[in-house]
Structures are given as C-alpha cells and as structure tokens.
Amino acid sequence: MDVFVCDPVLTPIGRYGGVLAHVRADNLAASPIRALIERHPSIGVAIDEVYLECANQAGEDNRNIARMAALLAGLPDEVPGVTLNRLCASGLDAIGVAMAFERVE
C-alpha cells in the first residue's frame, strides 16, 4: 500500500454552536472524500483505507467517523476507516499511522 496526500480538500471550520452545529461530523468528513473522487475519478477504486483526524470527539461524534465518512462518500463496504484524535497533531498523526501500517505485498 502506498500513502498519498493527493489534493488539498478541506472541510469548513466552524465554532461551537455556529452554523455547522447541526451538521454531523461524518457527513462533513464525507464531503472531501467525495470531492477527491470527483476530481480524480481513478482514485475511488484505489482507496483501500481511510485515515481521518477528528479532535475533541464527544457525544454522537464519539465513534469511528472515518468509517462512517467512507461509507457516506460511497466507498465500498470493504474499505475500513481509522479515526485519530490527537488534538492539534491529529492530521500529522493520521499520515504517520498510515505510513506505519504500510503493507508489503
């Protein structure tokens, strides 16, 4: 498996109780996955794992958001997801963990 950071697609950033308060985190996270597949159609079949950072998970957001986002984005059921919460280091940690689990085929 190779790890790629292929395109800078970001989700909106809100504040506590703001306009995004009623948007589920997994729906929000599915948006950049769908955007990446739209921008690069061949990538959809190449995705074999989804690593996602999500800091300060609580309540309904306290689940595997990466898995749910992958499913909501239309990826196959076989594609697993890993959610990492390391506060400010979550994005960097997601890349590091993906590289650490690189499989030799």
Protein backbone atom coordinates (compact mmCIF):
# COMPACT_ATOMS: atom_id res chain seq x y z
CA MET A 1 0.00 0.00 0.00
CA ASP A 2 1.23 3.47 -0.80
CA VAL A 3 0.11 6.52 1.14
CA PHE A 4 -0.81 9.61 -0.83
CA VAL A 5 -1.77 13.12 0.12
CA CYS A 6 -3.26 13.83 -3.26
CA ASP A 7 -5.15 17.10 -3.11
CA PRO A 8 -5.87 19.77 -0.52
CA VAL A 9 -9.60 19.42 0.09
CA LEU A 10 -10.72 20.88 3.38
CA THR A 11 -13.95 20.94 5.30
CA PRO A 12 -15.36 24.21 6.62
CA ILE A 13 -14.28 25.28 10.08
CA GLY A 14 -16.94 26.49 12.45
CA ARG A 15 -17.23 27.39 16.06
CA TYR A 16 -19.14 25.87 18.94
CA GLY A 17 -22.86 26.44 18.42
CA GLY A 18 -22.28 28.05 14.99
CA VAL A 19 -23.91 27.40 11.63
CA LEU A 20 -22.35 23.92 11.38
CA ALA A 21 -23.60 22.84 14.81
CA HIS A 22 -26.34 20.69 13.27
CA VAL A 23 -24.12 19.04 10.64
CA ARG A 24 -22.92 15.59 11.66
CA ALA A 25 -19.15 15.19 11.64
CA ASP A 26 -19.27 12.10 9.41
CA ASN A 27 -21.39 13.93 6.81
CA LEU A 28 -18.93 16.81 6.88
CA ALA A 29 -15.97 14.41 6.55
CA ALA A 30 -17.57 12.60 3.61
CA SER A 31 -17.55 15.82 1.56
CA PRO A 32 -13.78 15.98 0.87
CA ILE A 33 -13.67 12.24 0.10
CA ARG A 34 -16.42 12.71 -2.50
CA ALA A 35 -14.63 15.81 -3.83
CA LEU A 36 -11.36 13.89 -4.23
CA ILE A 37 -13.14 11.14 -6.15
CA GLU A 38 -14.86 13.72 -8.37
CA ARG A 39 -11.54 15.48 -9.07
CA HIS A 40 -9.62 12.23 -9.58
CA PRO A 41 -12.11 9.52 -10.71
CA SER A 42 -9.49 6.76 -10.81
CA ILE A 43 -8.70 7.21 -7.12
CA GLY A 44 -12.03 5.73 -5.98
CA VAL A 45 -11.04 2.17 -6.82
CA ALA A 46 -7.55 2.65 -5.37
CA ILE A 47 -8.67 3.64 -1.86
CA ASP A 48 -8.16 0.69 0.46
CA GLU A 49 -8.20 2.50 3.83
CA VAL A 50 -9.34 5.87 5.14
CA TYR A 51 -7.45 7.65 7.94
CA LEU A 52 -9.13 10.71 9.37
CA GLU A 53 -8.31 13.06 12.18
CA CYS A 54 -11.07 14.33 14.41
CA ALA A 55 -10.14 16.21 17.56
CA ASN A 56 -12.30 16.53 20.67
CA GLN A 57 -14.89 13.93 19.77
CA ALA A 58 -17.87 13.83 22.12
CA GLY A 59 -21.44 12.64 22.20
CA GLU A 60 -22.70 11.39 18.84
CA ASP A 61 -19.36 12.29 17.24
CA ASN A 62 -17.59 9.82 19.54
CA ARG A 63 -17.46 6.94 17.05
CA ASN A 64 -15.39 5.88 14.06
CA ILE A 65 -16.07 8.92 11.91
CA ALA A 66 -13.58 7.78 9.24
CA ARG A 67 -15.54 4.57 8.63
CA MET A 68 -18.87 6.37 8.50
CA ALA A 69 -17.46 9.08 6.21
CA ALA A 70 -16.08 6.45 3.84
CA LEU A 71 -19.48 4.77 3.61
CA LEU A 72 -21.31 8.10 3.20
CA ALA A 73 -18.87 9.06 0.43
CA GLY A 74 -19.84 5.92 -1.48
CA LEU A 75 -16.73 3.82 -0.90
CA PRO A 76 -17.27 0.05 -0.81
CA ASP A 77 -18.16 -1.67 2.48
CA GLU A 78 -14.77 -3.40 2.45
CA VAL A 79 -12.88 -0.11 2.91
CA PRO A 80 -12.06 0.31 6.61
CA GLY A 81 -11.67 3.63 8.38
CA VAL A 82 -9.47 4.76 11.26
CA THR A 83 -10.25 7.89 13.27
CA LEU A 84 -7.42 9.50 15.23
CA ASN A 85 -7.78 12.07 17.98
CA ARG A 86 -4.52 13.73 18.95
CA LEU A 87 -5.87 17.27 19.20
CA CYS A 88 -3.52 19.59 17.29
CA ALA A 89 -1.41 16.70 15.98
CA SER A 90 -4.29 14.62 14.58
CA GLY A 91 -3.68 15.37 10.88
CA LEU A 92 0.01 14.67 11.08
CA ASP A 93 -0.61 11.58 13.19
CA ALA A 94 -3.09 10.22 10.61
CA ILE A 95 -0.39 10.39 7.93
CA GLY A 96 2.20 8.82 10.24
CA VAL A 97 -0.08 5.96 11.26
CA ALA A 98 -0.99 5.26 7.64
CA MET A 99 2.72 5.06 6.76
CA ALA A 100 3.45 2.85 9.78
CA PHE A 101 0.87 0.32 8.70
CA GLU A 102 2.04 0.24 5.09
CA ARG A 103 1.78 -3.35 3.92
CA VAL A 104 4.36 -5.08 1.78
CA GLU A 105 2.72 -7.09 -0.98
